[in-house]
Structures are given as C-alpha cells and as structure tokens.
C-alpha cells in the first residue's frame, strides 16, 4: 500500500458524494427555475391586469371627452385654446428665466387644471 493513494472504496465513496452533491445542485437549480417562472407569471398577470384597467379608464375618459365635445363644442374649443396657452407657457418657461415666467405659468396652469377637472371629473 502506498501513502497518498486512495483505495477503491474511498474513490467509490468520493464518487457517490460528488454525484449526490451534483444531484442536489440540479434539484436546487430546477426549483429556482420553477420559482422564477412562478414569479414571472405572477408579474405578467399583475401587469396585464393593470394595463386592462388603465385602458378601460382611458377609454371611458376618452368617450366622455368626445361626448362632451359633441354636446358643448364651444367649451371644448376654449379648453383646447387654454391647453395650448398652458403648454406654450410651459415651453416658454424652459427657454426663459424661471422667476418671471413661474409667476405667470403656475397660476394659469392651476386654473386650467381646475377647469378641466370640473368639466371632466
């Protein structure tokens, strides 16, 4: 018998331990993959539900806006005009000094927002 060499029994035991460790690793990887798949499916469902609810709400508000526009075209034109003015002021704010335009833009945007909320809210 030589020192430093392994017997057949020791090699067999080492081989079995290695095979068992490899099997456990494969099982853990499989479990992790299954869990990842479950999490993905749950996330996909939540996103789909949120999308459907958002699409329904947007569609409903769009229909309300179209109906309002048909019933009161003058008011709709004034709202569109006010929105254009508000957006123009916002764009002007980014190009000019903020102090002077902020004094004008904020009150105008707040007023336009309140009007829109009263009409469509």
PDB file of N, CA and C in Angstrom:
ATOM      1  N   UNK A   1       0.836  -1.173   0.000  1.00  0.00           N
ATOM      2  CA  UNK A   1       0.000   0.000   0.000  1.00  0.00           C
ATOM      3  C   UNK A   1       0.887   1.244   0.000  1.00  0.00           C
ATOM      4  N   UNK A   2       0.569   2.171  -0.823  1.00  0.00           N
ATOM      5  CA  UNK A   2       1.335   3.404  -0.918  1.00  0.00           C
ATOM      6  C   UNK A   2       0.569   4.511  -0.210  1.00  0.00           C
ATOM      7  N   UNK A   3       1.353   5.371   0.462  1.00  0.00           N
ATOM      8  CA  UNK A   3       0.704   6.508   1.102  1.00  0.00           C
ATOM      9  C   UNK A   3       0.333   7.522   0.033  1.00  0.00           C
ATOM     10  N   UNK A   4      -0.827   8.200   0.200  1.00  0.00           N
ATOM     11  CA  UNK A   4      -1.261   9.228  -0.747  1.00  0.00           C
ATOM     12  C   UNK A   4      -2.138   8.686  -1.855  1.00  0.00           C
ATOM     13  N   UNK A   5      -2.278   7.404  -1.944  1.00  0.00           N
ATOM     14  CA  UNK A   5      -3.182   6.855  -2.955  1.00  0.00           C
ATOM     15  C   UNK A   5      -4.481   6.466  -2.276  1.00  0.00           C
ATOM     16  N   UNK A   6      -5.540   6.547  -2.985  1.00  0.00           N
ATOM     17  CA  UNK A   6      -6.856   6.252  -2.432  1.00  0.00           C
ATOM     18  C   UNK A   6      -7.262   4.835  -2.824  1.00  0.00           C
ATOM     19  N   UNK A   7      -7.928   4.191  -1.915  1.00  0.00           N
ATOM     20  CA  UNK A   7      -8.408   2.842  -2.204  1.00  0.00           C
ATOM     21  C   UNK A   7      -9.645   2.926  -3.088  1.00  0.00           C
ATOM     22  N   UNK A   8     -10.034   1.825  -3.626  1.00  0.00           N
ATOM     23  CA  UNK A   8     -11.218   1.773  -4.485  1.00  0.00           C
ATOM     24  C   UNK A   8     -12.455   2.147  -3.689  1.00  0.00           C
ATOM     25  N   UNK A   9     -12.482   1.755  -2.448  1.00  0.00           N
ATOM     26  CA  UNK A   9     -13.646   2.082  -1.596  1.00  0.00           C
ATOM     27  C   UNK A   9     -13.734   3.583  -1.341  1.00  0.00           C
ATOM     28  N   UNK A  10     -12.586   4.189  -1.094  1.00  0.00           N
ATOM     29  CA  UNK A  10     -12.565   5.643  -0.870  1.00  0.00           C
ATOM     30  C   UNK A  10     -12.971   6.397  -2.146  1.00  0.00           C
ATOM     31  N   UNK A  11     -12.486   5.912  -3.277  1.00  0.00           N
ATOM     32  CA  UNK A  11     -12.840   6.536  -4.552  1.00  0.00           C
ATOM     33  C   UNK A  11     -14.328   6.393  -4.831  1.00  0.00           C
ATOM     34  N   UNK A  12     -14.893   5.222  -4.511  1.00  0.00           N
ATOM     35  CA  UNK A  12     -16.314   4.984  -4.707  1.00  0.00           C
ATOM     36  C   UNK A  12     -17.139   5.914  -3.818  1.00  0.00           C
ATOM     37  N   UNK A  13     -16.733   6.040  -2.548  1.00  0.00           N
ATOM     38  CA  UNK A  13     -17.424   6.919  -1.608  1.00  0.00           C
ATOM     39  C   UNK A  13     -17.355   8.370  -2.082  1.00  0.00           C
ATOM     40  N   UNK A  14     -16.166   8.763  -2.528  1.00  0.00           N
ATOM     41  CA  UNK A  14     -15.991  10.142  -3.032  1.00  0.00           C
ATOM     42  C   UNK A  14     -16.849  10.364  -4.280  1.00  0.00           C
ATOM     43  N   UNK A  15     -16.910   9.379  -5.140  1.00  0.00           N
ATOM     44  CA  UNK A  15     -17.736   9.481  -6.351  1.00  0.00           C
ATOM     45  C   UNK A  15     -19.212   9.593  -6.025  1.00  0.00           C
ATOM     46  N   UNK A  16     -19.650   8.816  -5.035  1.00  0.00           N
ATOM     47  CA  UNK A  16     -21.061   8.878  -4.618  1.00  0.00           C
ATOM     48  C   UNK A  16     -21.393  10.249  -4.019  1.00  0.00           C
ATOM     49  N   UNK A  17     -20.492  10.759  -3.204  1.00  0.00           N
ATOM     50  CA  UNK A  17     -20.720  12.074  -2.588  1.00  0.00           C
ATOM     51  C   UNK A  17     -20.777  13.159  -3.667  1.00  0.00           C
ATOM     52  N   UNK A  18     -19.899  13.059  -4.636  1.00  0.00           N
ATOM     53  CA  UNK A  18     -19.887  14.037  -5.731  1.00  0.00           C
ATOM     54  C   UNK A  18     -21.174  13.936  -6.544  1.00  0.00           C
ATOM     55  N   UNK A  19     -21.613  12.728  -6.823  1.00  0.00           N
ATOM     56  CA  UNK A  19     -22.854  12.536  -7.584  1.00  0.00           C
ATOM     57  C   UNK A  19     -24.052  13.064  -6.807  1.00  0.00           C
ATOM     58  N   UNK A  20     -24.069  12.819  -5.482  1.00  0.00           N
ATOM     59  CA  UNK A  20     -25.177  13.307  -4.662  1.00  0.00           C
ATOM     60  C   UNK A  20     -25.181  14.832  -4.621  1.00  0.00           C
ATOM     61  N   UNK A  21     -24.001  15.429  -4.509  1.00  0.00           N
ATOM     62  CA  UNK A  21     -23.916  16.895  -4.489  1.00  0.00           C
ATOM     63  C   UNK A  21     -24.370  17.471  -5.831  1.00  0.00           C
ATOM     64  N   UNK A  22     -23.971  16.829  -6.904  1.00  0.00           N
ATOM     65  CA  UNK A  22     -24.389  17.293  -8.231  1.00  0.00           C
ATOM     66  C   UNK A  22     -25.902  17.180  -8.386  1.00  0.00           C
ATOM     67  N   UNK A  23     -26.472  16.080  -7.887  1.00  0.00           N
ATOM     68  CA  UNK A  23     -27.933  15.897  -7.964  1.00  0.00           C
ATOM     69  C   UNK A  23     -28.657  16.963  -7.167  1.00  0.00           C
ATOM     70  N   UNK A  24     -28.173  17.261  -5.948  1.00  0.00           N
ATOM     71  CA  UNK A  24     -28.785  18.313  -5.124  1.00  0.00           C
ATOM     72  C   UNK A  24     -28.686  19.665  -5.820  1.00  0.00           C
ATOM     73  N   UNK A  25     -27.555  19.922  -6.449  1.00  0.00           N
ATOM     74  CA  UNK A  25     -27.387  21.189  -7.168  1.00  0.00           C
ATOM     75  C   UNK A  25     -28.383  21.280  -8.322  1.00  0.00           C
ATOM     76  N   UNK A  26     -28.555  20.175  -9.074  1.00  0.00           N
ATOM     77  CA  UNK A  26     -29.525  20.181 -10.179  1.00  0.00           C
ATOM     78  C   UNK A  26     -30.942  20.418  -9.659  1.00  0.00           C
ATOM     79  N   UNK A  27     -31.281  19.798  -8.532  1.00  0.00           N
ATOM     80  CA  UNK A  27     -32.615  19.981  -7.946  1.00  0.00           C
ATOM     81  C   UNK A  27     -32.828  21.425  -7.515  1.00  0.00           C
ATOM     82  N   UNK A  28     -31.806  22.019  -6.904  1.00  0.00           N
ATOM     83  CA  UNK A  28     -31.930  23.412  -6.468  1.00  0.00           C
ATOM     84  C   UNK A  28     -32.064  24.353  -7.652  1.00  0.00           C
ATOM     85  N   UNK A  29     -31.306  24.074  -8.711  1.00  0.00           N
ATOM     86  CA  UNK A  29     -31.413  24.900  -9.918  1.00  0.00           C
ATOM     87  C   UNK A  29     -32.811  24.748 -10.519  1.00  0.00           C
ATOM     88  N   UNK A  30     -33.314  23.513 -10.523  1.00  0.00           N
ATOM     89  CA  UNK A  30     -34.655  23.272 -11.052  1.00  0.00           C
ATOM     90  C   UNK A  30     -35.713  24.001 -10.217  1.00  0.00           C
ATOM     91  N   UNK A  31     -35.571  23.944  -8.898  1.00  0.00           N
ATOM     92  CA  UNK A  31     -36.513  24.641  -8.012  1.00  0.00           C
ATOM     93  C   UNK A  31     -36.432  26.147  -8.211  1.00  0.00           C
ATOM     94  N   UNK A  32     -35.204  26.663  -8.353  1.00  0.00           N
ATOM     95  CA  UNK A  32     -35.046  28.102  -8.573  1.00  0.00           C
ATOM     96  C   UNK A  32     -35.678  28.512  -9.901  1.00  0.00           C
ATOM     97  N   UNK A  33     -35.509  27.671 -10.919  1.00  0.00           N
ATOM     98  CA  UNK A  33     -36.123  27.953 -12.219  1.00  0.00           C
ATOM     99  C   UNK A  33     -37.633  27.946 -12.140  1.00  0.00           C
ATOM    100  N   UNK A  34     -38.185  26.974 -11.399  1.00  0.00           N
ATOM    101  CA  UNK A  34     -39.636  26.909 -11.236  1.00  0.00           C
ATOM    102  C   UNK A  34     -40.149  28.132 -10.498  1.00  0.00           C
ATOM    103  N   UNK A  35     -39.424  28.535  -9.446  1.00  0.00           N
ATOM    104  CA  UNK A  35     -39.837  29.719  -8.672  1.00  0.00           C
ATOM    105  C   UNK A  35     -39.760  30.981  -9.532  1.00  0.00           C
ATOM    106  N   UNK A  36     -38.699  31.087 -10.322  1.00  0.00           N
ATOM    107  CA  UNK A  36     -38.568  32.242 -11.216  1.00  0.00           C
ATOM    108  C   UNK A  36     -39.713  32.272 -12.221  1.00  0.00           C
ATOM    109  N   UNK A  37     -40.089  31.102 -12.712  1.00  0.00           N
ATOM    110  CA  UNK A  37     -41.202  31.024 -13.654  1.00  0.00           C
ATOM    111  C   UNK A  37     -42.507  31.456 -12.988  1.00  0.00           C
ATOM    112  N   UNK A  38     -42.723  31.041 -11.737  1.00  0.00           N
ATOM    113  CA  UNK A  38     -43.928  31.445 -10.997  1.00  0.00           C
ATOM    114  C   UNK A  38     -43.958  32.957 -10.805  1.00  0.00           C
ATOM    115  N   UNK A  39     -42.818  33.517 -10.390  1.00  0.00           N
ATOM    116  CA  UNK A  39     -42.746  34.973 -10.163  1.00  0.00           C
ATOM    117  C   UNK A  39     -43.001  35.719 -11.471  1.00  0.00           C
ATOM    118  N   UNK A  40     -42.431  35.215 -12.555  1.00  0.00           N
ATOM    119  CA  UNK A  40     -42.649  35.843 -13.864  1.00  0.00           C
ATOM    120  C   UNK A  40     -44.128  35.816 -14.235  1.00  0.00           C
ATOM    121  N   UNK A  41     -44.762  34.660 -14.051  1.00  0.00           N
ATOM    122  CA  UNK A  41     -46.182  34.535 -14.386  1.00  0.00           C
ATOM    123  C   UNK A  41     -47.041  35.464 -13.541  1.00  0.00           C
ATOM    124  N   UNK A  42     -46.735  35.557 -12.244  1.00  0.00           N
ATOM    125  CA  UNK A  42     -47.485  36.461 -11.359  1.00  0.00           C
ATOM    126  C   UNK A  42     -47.289  37.909 -11.779  1.00  0.00           C
ATOM    127  N   UNK A  43     -46.055  38.280 -12.081  1.00  0.00           N
ATOM    128  CA  UNK A  43     -45.769  39.655 -12.504  1.00  0.00           C
ATOM    129  C   UNK A  43     -46.480  39.964 -13.817  1.00  0.00           C
ATOM    130  N   UNK A  44     -46.452  39.021 -14.730  1.00  0.00           N
ATOM    131  CA  UNK A  44     -47.127  39.210 -16.019  1.00  0.00           C
ATOM    132  C   UNK A  44     -48.619  39.425 -15.820  1.00  0.00           C
ATOM    133  N   UNK A  45     -49.228  38.649 -14.920  1.00  0.00           N
ATOM    134  CA  UNK A  45     -50.658  38.791 -14.656  1.00  0.00           C
ATOM    135  C   UNK A  45     -50.977  40.153 -14.055  1.00  0.00           C
ATOM    136  N   UNK A  46     -50.156  40.590 -13.096  1.00  0.00           N
ATOM    137  CA  UNK A  46     -50.382  41.890 -12.467  1.00  0.00           C
ATOM    138  C   UNK A  46     -50.269  43.013 -13.502  1.00  0.00           C
ATOM    139  N   UNK A  47     -49.256  42.940 -14.352  1.00  0.00           N
ATOM    140  CA  UNK A  47     -49.069  43.975 -15.378  1.00  0.00           C
ATOM    141  C   UNK A  47     -50.231  43.956 -16.375  1.00  0.00           C
ATOM    142  N   UNK A  48     -50.666  42.765 -16.771  1.00  0.00           N
ATOM    143  CA  UNK A  48     -51.801  42.672 -17.700  1.00  0.00           C
ATOM    144  C   UNK A  48     -53.065  43.251 -17.076  1.00  0.00           C
ATOM    145  N   UNK A  49     -53.305  42.935 -15.800  1.00  0.00           N
ATOM    146  CA  UNK A  49     -54.486  43.478 -15.116  1.00  0.00           C
ATOM    147  C   UNK A  49     -54.418  44.997 -15.037  1.00  0.00           C
ATOM    148  N   UNK A  50     -53.247  45.524 -14.677  1.00  0.00           N
ATOM    149  CA  UNK A  50     -53.084  46.980 -14.586  1.00  0.00           C
ATOM    150  C   UNK A  50     -53.290  47.625 -15.957  1.00  0.00           C
ATOM    151  N   UNK A  51     -52.769  46.990 -16.994  1.00  0.00           N
ATOM    152  CA  UNK A  51     -52.935  47.520 -18.340  1.00  0.00           C
ATOM    153  C   UNK A  51     -54.412  47.548 -18.736  1.00  0.00           C
ATOM    154  N   UNK A  52     -55.115  46.456 -18.455  1.00  0.00           N
ATOM    155  CA  UNK A  52     -56.533  46.389 -18.807  1.00  0.00           C
ATOM    156  C   UNK A  52     -57.336  47.454 -18.064  1.00  0.00           C
ATOM    157  N   UNK A  53     -57.058  47.633 -16.778  1.00  0.00           N
ATOM    158  CA  UNK A  53     -57.779  48.652 -16.004  1.00  0.00           C
ATOM    159  C   UNK A  53     -57.466  50.047 -16.528  1.00  0.00           C
ATOM    160  N   UNK A  54     -56.201  50.294 -16.819  1.00  0.00           N
ATOM    161  CA  UNK A  54     -55.796  51.606 -17.329  1.00  0.00           C
ATOM    162  C   UNK A  54     -56.431  51.863 -18.695  1.00  0.00           C
ATOM    163  N   UNK A  55     -56.406  50.862 -19.556  1.00  0.00           N
ATOM    164  CA  UNK A  55     -57.003  51.021 -20.888  1.00  0.00           C
ATOM    165  C   UNK A  55     -58.499  51.292 -20.783  1.00  0.00           C
ATOM    166  N   UNK A  56     -59.167  50.608 -19.863  1.00  0.00           N
ATOM    167  CA  UNK A  56     -60.606  50.827 -19.685  1.00  0.00           C
ATOM    168  C   UNK A  56     -60.882  52.244 -19.183  1.00  0.00           C
ATOM    169  N   UNK A  57     -60.073  52.707 -18.216  1.00  0.00           N
ATOM    170  CA  UNK A  57     -60.267  54.053 -17.670  1.00  0.00           C
ATOM    171  C   UNK A  57     -59.998  55.116 -18.733  1.00  0.00           C
ATOM    172  N   UNK A  58     -58.940  54.935 -19.500  1.00  0.00           N
ATOM    173  CA  UNK A  58     -58.618  55.901 -20.559  1.00  0.00           C
ATOM    174  C   UNK A  58     -59.721  55.905 -21.612  1.00  0.00           C
ATOM    175  N   UNK A  59     -60.188  54.732 -21.978  1.00  0.00           N
ATOM    176  CA  UNK A  59     -61.262  54.639 -22.973  1.00  0.00           C
ATOM    177  C   UNK A  59     -62.524  55.339 -22.477  1.00  0.00           C
ATOM    178  N   UNK A  60     -62.841  55.132 -21.204  1.00  0.00           N
ATOM    179  CA  UNK A  60     -64.027  55.771 -20.632  1.00  0.00           C
ATOM    180  C   UNK A  60     -63.886  57.296 -20.641  1.00  0.00           C
ATOM    181  N   UNK A  61     -62.711  57.787 -20.225  1.00  0.00           N
ATOM    182  CA  UNK A  61     -62.497  59.239 -20.212  1.00  0.00           C
ATOM    183  C   UNK A  61     -62.493  59.801 -21.628  1.00  0.00           C
ATOM    184  N   UNK A  62     -61.949  59.053 -22.570  1.00  0.00           N
ATOM    185  CA  UNK A  62     -61.960  59.497 -23.959  1.00  0.00           C
ATOM    186  C   UNK A  62     -63.396  59.612 -24.472  1.00  0.00           C
ATOM    187  N   UNK A  63     -64.203  58.605 -24.181  1.00  0.00           N
ATOM    188  CA  UNK A  63     -65.607  58.642 -24.591  1.00  0.00           C
ATOM    189  C   UNK A  63     -66.340  59.826 -23.961  1.00  0.00           C
ATOM    190  N   UNK A  64     -66.026  60.097 -22.671  1.00  0.00           N
ATOM    191  CA  UNK A  64     -66.640  61.248 -22.001  1.00  0.00           C
ATOM    192  C   UNK A  64     -66.229  62.549 -22.684  1.00  0.00           C
ATOM    193  N   UNK A  65     -64.948  62.644 -23.055  1.00  0.00           N
ATOM    194  CA  UNK A  65     -64.456  63.866 -23.706  1.00  0.00           C
ATOM    195  C   UNK A  65     -65.114  64.047 -25.071  1.00  0.00           C
ATOM    196  N   UNK A  66     -65.256  62.964 -25.823  1.00  0.00           N
ATOM    197  CA  UNK A  66     -65.898  63.057 -27.145  1.00  0.00           C
ATOM    198  C   UNK A  66     -67.357  63.464 -26.988  1.00  0.00           C
ATOM    199  N   UNK A  67     -68.047  62.860 -26.035  1.00  0.00           N
ATOM    200  CA  UNK A  67     -69.451  63.202 -25.795  1.00  0.00           C
ATOM    201  C   UNK A  67     -69.572  64.666 -25.373  1.00  0.00           C
ATOM    202  N   UNK A  68     -68.696  65.099 -24.482  1.00  0.00           N
ATOM    203  CA  UNK A  68     -68.711  66.497 -24.036  1.00  0.00           C
ATOM    204  C   UNK A  68     -68.466  67.428 -25.218  1.00  0.00           C
ATOM    205  N   UNK A  69     -67.513  67.059 -26.075  1.00  0.00           N
ATOM    206  CA  UNK A  69     -67.202  67.891 -27.241  1.00  0.00           C
ATOM    207  C   UNK A  69     -68.375  68.005 -28.197  1.00  0.00           C
ATOM    208  N   UNK A  70     -69.132  66.942 -28.332  1.00  0.00           N
ATOM    209  CA  UNK A  70     -70.302  66.981 -29.210  1.00  0.00           C
ATOM    210  C   UNK A  70     -71.426  67.816 -28.601  1.00  0.00           C
ATOM    211  N   UNK A  71     -71.558  67.728 -27.266  1.00  0.00           N
ATOM    212  CA  UNK A  71     -72.626  68.475 -26.597  1.00  0.00           C
ATOM    213  C   UNK A  71     -72.285  69.952 -26.441  1.00  0.00           C
ATOM    214  N   UNK A  72     -71.004  70.255 -26.213  1.00  0.00           N
ATOM    215  CA  UNK A  72     -70.598  71.643 -25.970  1.00  0.00           C
ATOM    216  C   UNK A  72     -69.323  71.963 -26.744  1.00  0.00           C
ATOM    217  N   UNK A  73     -69.452  72.164 -28.058  1.00  0.00           N
ATOM    218  CA  UNK A  73     -68.256  72.385 -28.879  1.00  0.00           C
ATOM    219  C   UNK A  73     -67.512  73.683 -28.548  1.00  0.00           C
ATOM    220  N   UNK A  74     -68.238  74.720 -28.136  1.00  0.00           N
ATOM    221  CA  UNK A  74     -67.584  75.995 -27.808  1.00  0.00           C
ATOM    222  C   UNK A  74     -66.712  75.824 -26.562  1.00  0.00           C
ATOM    223  N   UNK A  75     -67.247  75.160 -25.558  1.00  0.00           N
ATOM    224  CA  UNK A  75     -66.456  74.930 -24.344  1.00  0.00           C
ATOM    225  C   UNK A  75     -65.213  74.099 -24.658  1.00  0.00           C
ATOM    226  N   UNK A  76     -65.372  73.108 -25.514  1.00  0.00           N
ATOM    227  CA  UNK A  76     -64.241  72.271 -25.879  1.00  0.00           C
ATOM    228  C   UNK A  76     -63.179  73.097 -26.603  1.00  0.00           C
ATOM    229  N   UNK A  77     -63.605  73.983 -27.470  1.00  0.00           N
ATOM    230  CA  UNK A  77     -62.654  74.848 -28.177  1.00  0.00           C
ATOM    231  C   UNK A  77     -61.914  75.738 -27.189  1.00  0.00           C
ATOM    232  N   UNK A  78     -62.629  76.266 -26.194  1.00  0.00           N
ATOM    233  CA  UNK A  78     -61.971  77.107 -25.183  1.00  0.00           C
ATOM    234  C   UNK A  78     -60.985  76.297 -24.344  1.00  0.00           C
ATOM    235  N   UNK A  79     -61.349  75.071 -24.028  1.00  0.00           N
ATOM    236  CA  UNK A  79     -60.436  74.209 -23.274  1.00  0.00           C
ATOM    237  C   UNK A  79     -59.186  73.928 -24.102  1.00  0.00           C
ATOM    238  N   UNK A  80     -59.374  73.624 -25.384  1.00  0.00           N
ATOM    239  CA  UNK A  80     -58.230  73.360 -26.260  1.00  0.00           C
ATOM    240  C   UNK A  80     -57.344  74.594 -26.360  1.00  0.00           C
ATOM    241  N   UNK A  81     -57.953  75.762 -26.467  1.00  0.00           N
ATOM    242  CA  UNK A  81     -57.197  77.003 -26.527  1.00  0.00           C
ATOM    243  C   UNK A  81     -56.407  77.202 -25.229  1.00  0.00           C
ATOM    244  N   UNK A  82     -57.071  77.007 -24.107  1.00  0.00           N
ATOM    245  CA  UNK A  82     -56.399  77.169 -22.814  1.00  0.00           C
ATOM    246  C   UNK A  82     -55.262  76.170 -22.629  1.00  0.00           C
ATOM    247  N   UNK A  83     -55.486  74.961 -23.108  1.00  0.00           N
ATOM    248  CA  UNK A  83     -54.432  73.955 -23.013  1.00  0.00           C
ATOM    249  C   UNK A  83     -53.233  74.362 -23.867  1.00  0.00           C
ATOM    250  N   UNK A  84     -53.513  74.876 -25.034  1.00  0.00           N
ATOM    251  CA  UNK A  84     -52.430  75.350 -25.909  1.00  0.00           C
ATOM    252  C   UNK A  84     -51.654  76.489 -25.267  1.00  0.00           C
ATOM    253  N   UNK A  85     -52.375  77.423 -24.662  1.00  0.00           N
ATOM    254  CA  UNK A  85     -51.716  78.539 -23.980  1.00  0.00           C
ATOM    255  C   UNK A  85     -50.864  78.003 -22.829  1.00  0.00           C
ATOM    256  N   UNK A  86     -51.436  77.071 -22.055  1.00  0.00           N
ATOM    257  CA  UNK A  86     -50.701  76.491 -20.926  1.00  0.00           C
ATOM    258  C   UNK A  86     -49.441  75.772 -21.375  1.00  0.00           C
ATOM    259  N   UNK A  87     -49.552  74.967 -22.422  1.00  0.00           N
ATOM    260  CA  UNK A  87     -48.375  74.269 -22.929  1.00  0.00           C
ATOM    261  C   UNK A  87     -47.346  75.244 -23.485  1.00  0.00           C
ATOM    262  N   UNK A  88     -47.825  76.281 -24.130  1.00  0.00           N
ATOM    263  CA  UNK A  88     -46.906  77.314 -24.632  1.00  0.00           C
ATOM    264  C   UNK A  88     -46.155  77.979 -23.500  1.00  0.00           C
ATOM    265  N   UNK A  89     -46.855  78.253 -22.408  1.00  0.00           N
ATOM    266  CA  UNK A  89     -46.186  78.857 -21.255  1.00  0.00           C
ATOM    267  C   UNK A  89     -45.181  77.901 -20.624  1.00  0.00           C
ATOM    268  N   UNK A  90     -45.522  76.635 -20.584  1.00  0.00           N
ATOM    269  CA  UNK A  90     -44.584  75.652 -20.033  1.00  0.00           C
ATOM    270  C   UNK A  90     -43.328  75.582 -20.890  1.00  0.00           C
ATOM    271  N   UNK A  91     -43.504  75.555 -22.203  1.00  0.00           N
ATOM    272  CA  UNK A  91     -42.343  75.527 -23.086  1.00  0.00           C
ATOM    273  C   UNK A  91     -41.534  76.814 -22.965  1.00  0.00           C
ATOM    274  N   UNK A  92     -42.211  77.928 -22.842  1.00  0.00           N
ATOM    275  CA  UNK A  92     -41.514  79.205 -22.694  1.00  0.00           C
ATOM    276  C   UNK A  92     -40.722  79.218 -21.388  1.00  0.00           C
ATOM    277  N   UNK A  93     -41.215  78.563 -20.375  1.00  0.00           N
ATOM    278  CA  UNK A  93     -40.524  78.514 -19.090  1.00  0.00           C
ATOM    279  C   UNK A  93     -39.163  77.853 -19.239  1.00  0.00           C
ATOM    280  N   UNK A  94     -39.110  76.814 -20.039  1.00  0.00           N
ATOM    281  CA  UNK A  94     -37.844  76.112 -20.185  1.00  0.00           C
ATOM    282  C   UNK A  94     -36.838  76.923 -20.991  1.00  0.00           C
ATOM    283  N   UNK A  95     -37.306  77.903 -21.740  1.00  0.00           N
ATOM    284  CA  UNK A  95     -36.407  78.710 -22.561  1.00  0.00           C
ATOM    285  C   UNK A  95     -36.022  80.034 -21.916  1.00  0.00           C
ATOM    286  N   UNK A  96     -36.776  80.500 -20.954  1.00  0.00           N
ATOM    287  CA  UNK A  96     -36.535  81.809 -20.343  1.00  0.00           C
ATOM    288  C   UNK A  96     -36.180  81.679 -18.882  1.00  0.00           C
ATOM    289  N   UNK A  97     -36.021  82.828 -18.289  1.00  0.00           N
ATOM    290  CA  UNK A  97     -35.752  82.886 -16.848  1.00  0.00           C
ATOM    291  C   UNK A  97     -36.931  82.306 -16.095  1.00  0.00           C
ATOM    292  N   UNK A  98     -36.667  81.468 -15.146  1.00  0.00           N
ATOM    293  CA  UNK A  98     -37.726  80.773 -14.419  1.00  0.00           C
ATOM    294  C   UNK A  98     -38.502  81.698 -13.472  1.00  0.00           C
ATOM    295  N   UNK A  99     -37.863  82.670 -12.904  1.00  0.00           N
ATOM    296  CA  UNK A  99     -38.551  83.513 -11.915  1.00  0.00           C
ATOM    297  C   UNK A  99     -39.733  84.262 -12.514  1.00  0.00           C
ATOM    298  N   UNK A 100     -39.524  84.933 -13.617  1.00  0.00           N
ATOM    299  CA  UNK A 100     -40.574  85.738 -14.213  1.00  0.00           C
ATOM    300  C   UNK A 100     -41.711  84.874 -14.759  1.00  0.00           C
ATOM    301  N   UNK A 101     -41.387  83.810 -15.462  1.00  0.00           N
ATOM    302  CA  UNK A 101     -42.445  83.012 -16.063  1.00  0.00           C
ATOM    303  C   UNK A 101     -43.147  82.129 -15.048  1.00  0.00           C
ATOM    304  N   UNK A 102     -42.472  81.716 -14.005  1.00  0.00           N
ATOM    305  CA  UNK A 102     -43.134  80.898 -12.984  1.00  0.00           C
ATOM    306  C   UNK A 102     -44.266  81.661 -12.310  1.00  0.00           C
ATOM    307  N   UNK A 103     -44.121  82.965 -12.184  1.00  0.00           N
ATOM    308  CA  UNK A 103     -45.184  83.762 -11.572  1.00  0.00           C
ATOM    309  C   UNK A 103     -46.436  83.771 -12.430  1.00  0.00           C
ATOM    310  N   UNK A 104     -46.278  83.595 -13.726  1.00  0.00           N
ATOM    311  CA  UNK A 104     -47.410  83.601 -14.640  1.00  0.00           C
ATOM    312  C   UNK A 104     -47.889  82.178 -14.927  1.00  0.00           C
ATOM    313  N   UNK A 105     -46.961  81.277 -15.143  1.00  0.00           N
ATOM    314  CA  UNK A 105     -47.302  79.928 -15.595  1.00  0.00           C
ATOM    315  C   UNK A 105     -48.067  79.157 -14.532  1.00  0.00           C
ATOM    316  N   UNK A 106     -47.585  79.147 -13.318  1.00  0.00           N
ATOM    317  CA  UNK A 106     -48.234  78.350 -12.278  1.00  0.00           C
ATOM    318  C   UNK A 106     -49.706  78.710 -12.075  1.00  0.00           C
ATOM    319  N   UNK A 107     -50.052  79.990 -11.908  1.00  0.00           N
ATOM    320  CA  UNK A 107     -51.475  80.300 -11.733  1.00  0.00           C
ATOM    321  C   UNK A 107     -52.332  79.924 -12.952  1.00  0.00           C
ATOM    322  N   UNK A 108     -51.789  80.122 -14.150  1.00  0.00           N
ATOM    323  CA  UNK A 108     -52.545  79.789 -15.356  1.00  0.00           C
ATOM    324  C   UNK A 108     -52.751  78.275 -15.435  1.00  0.00           C
ATOM    325  N   UNK A 109     -51.700  77.508 -15.214  1.00  0.00           N
ATOM    326  CA  UNK A 109     -51.834  76.052 -15.266  1.00  0.00           C
ATOM    327  C   UNK A 109     -52.765  75.538 -14.176  1.00  0.00           C
ATOM    328  N   UNK A 110     -52.672  76.117 -12.992  1.00  0.00           N
ATOM    329  CA  UNK A 110     -53.577  75.701 -11.909  1.00  0.00           C
ATOM    330  C   UNK A 110     -55.033  75.980 -12.278  1.00  0.00           C
ATOM    331  N   UNK A 111     -55.287  77.147 -12.848  1.00  0.00           N
ATOM    332  CA  UNK A 111     -56.649  77.493 -13.246  1.00  0.00           C
ATOM    333  C   UNK A 111     -57.156  76.561 -14.349  1.00  0.00           C
ATOM    334  N   UNK A 112     -56.305  76.280 -15.332  1.00  0.00           N
ATOM    335  CA  UNK A 112     -56.705  75.375 -16.415  1.00  0.00           C
ATOM    336  C   UNK A 112     -56.957  73.963 -15.887  1.00  0.00           C
ATOM    337  N   UNK A 113     -56.138  73.538 -14.957  1.00  0.00           N
ATOM    338  CA  UNK A 113     -56.326  72.208 -14.362  1.00  0.00           C
ATOM    339  C   UNK A 113     -57.642  72.136 -13.609  1.00  0.00           C
ATOM    340  N   UNK A 114     -57.938  73.157 -12.841  1.00  0.00           N
ATOM    341  CA  UNK A 114     -59.204  73.177 -12.098  1.00  0.00           C
ATOM    342  C   UNK A 114     -60.408  73.160 -13.040  1.00  0.00           C
ATOM    343  N   UNK A 115     -60.322  73.920 -14.121  1.00  0.00           N
ATOM    344  CA  UNK A 115     -61.421  73.945 -15.093  1.00  0.00           C
ATOM    345  C   UNK A 115     -61.617  72.557 -15.706  1.00  0.00           C
ATOM    346  N   UNK A 116     -60.512  71.939 -16.122  1.00  0.00           N
ATOM    347  CA  UNK A 116     -60.599  70.604 -16.734  1.00  0.00           C
ATOM    348  C   UNK A 116     -61.163  69.592 -15.746  1.00  0.00           C
ATOM    349  N   UNK A 117     -60.733  69.670 -14.501  1.00  0.00           N
ATOM    350  CA  UNK A 117     -61.244  68.727 -13.505  1.00  0.00           C
ATOM    351  C   UNK A 117     -62.722  68.916 -13.253  1.00  0.00           C
ATOM    352  N   UNK A 118     -63.188  70.164 -13.241  1.00  0.00           N
ATOM    353  CA  UNK A 118     -64.611  70.420 -13.049  1.00  0.00           C
ATOM    354  C   UNK A 118     -65.426  69.905 -14.231  1.00  0.00           C
ATOM    355  N   UNK A 119     -64.897  70.050 -15.428  1.00  0.00           N
ATOM    356  CA  UNK A 119     -65.615  69.630 -16.604  1.00  0.00           C
ATOM    357  C   UNK A 119     -65.623  68.117 -16.793  1.00  0.00           C
ATOM    358  N   UNK A 120     -64.483  67.485 -16.541  1.00  0.00           N
ATOM    359  CA  UNK A 120     -64.353  66.052 -16.815  1.00  0.00           C
ATOM    360  C   UNK A 120     -64.307  65.193 -15.566  1.00  0.00           C
ATOM    361  N   UNK A 121     -64.186  65.772 -14.381  1.00  0.00           N
ATOM    362  CA  UNK A 121     -64.015  64.988 -13.154  1.00  0.00           C
ATOM    363  C   UNK A 121     -65.243  64.390 -12.628  1.00  0.00           C
TER     364      UNK A 121
END
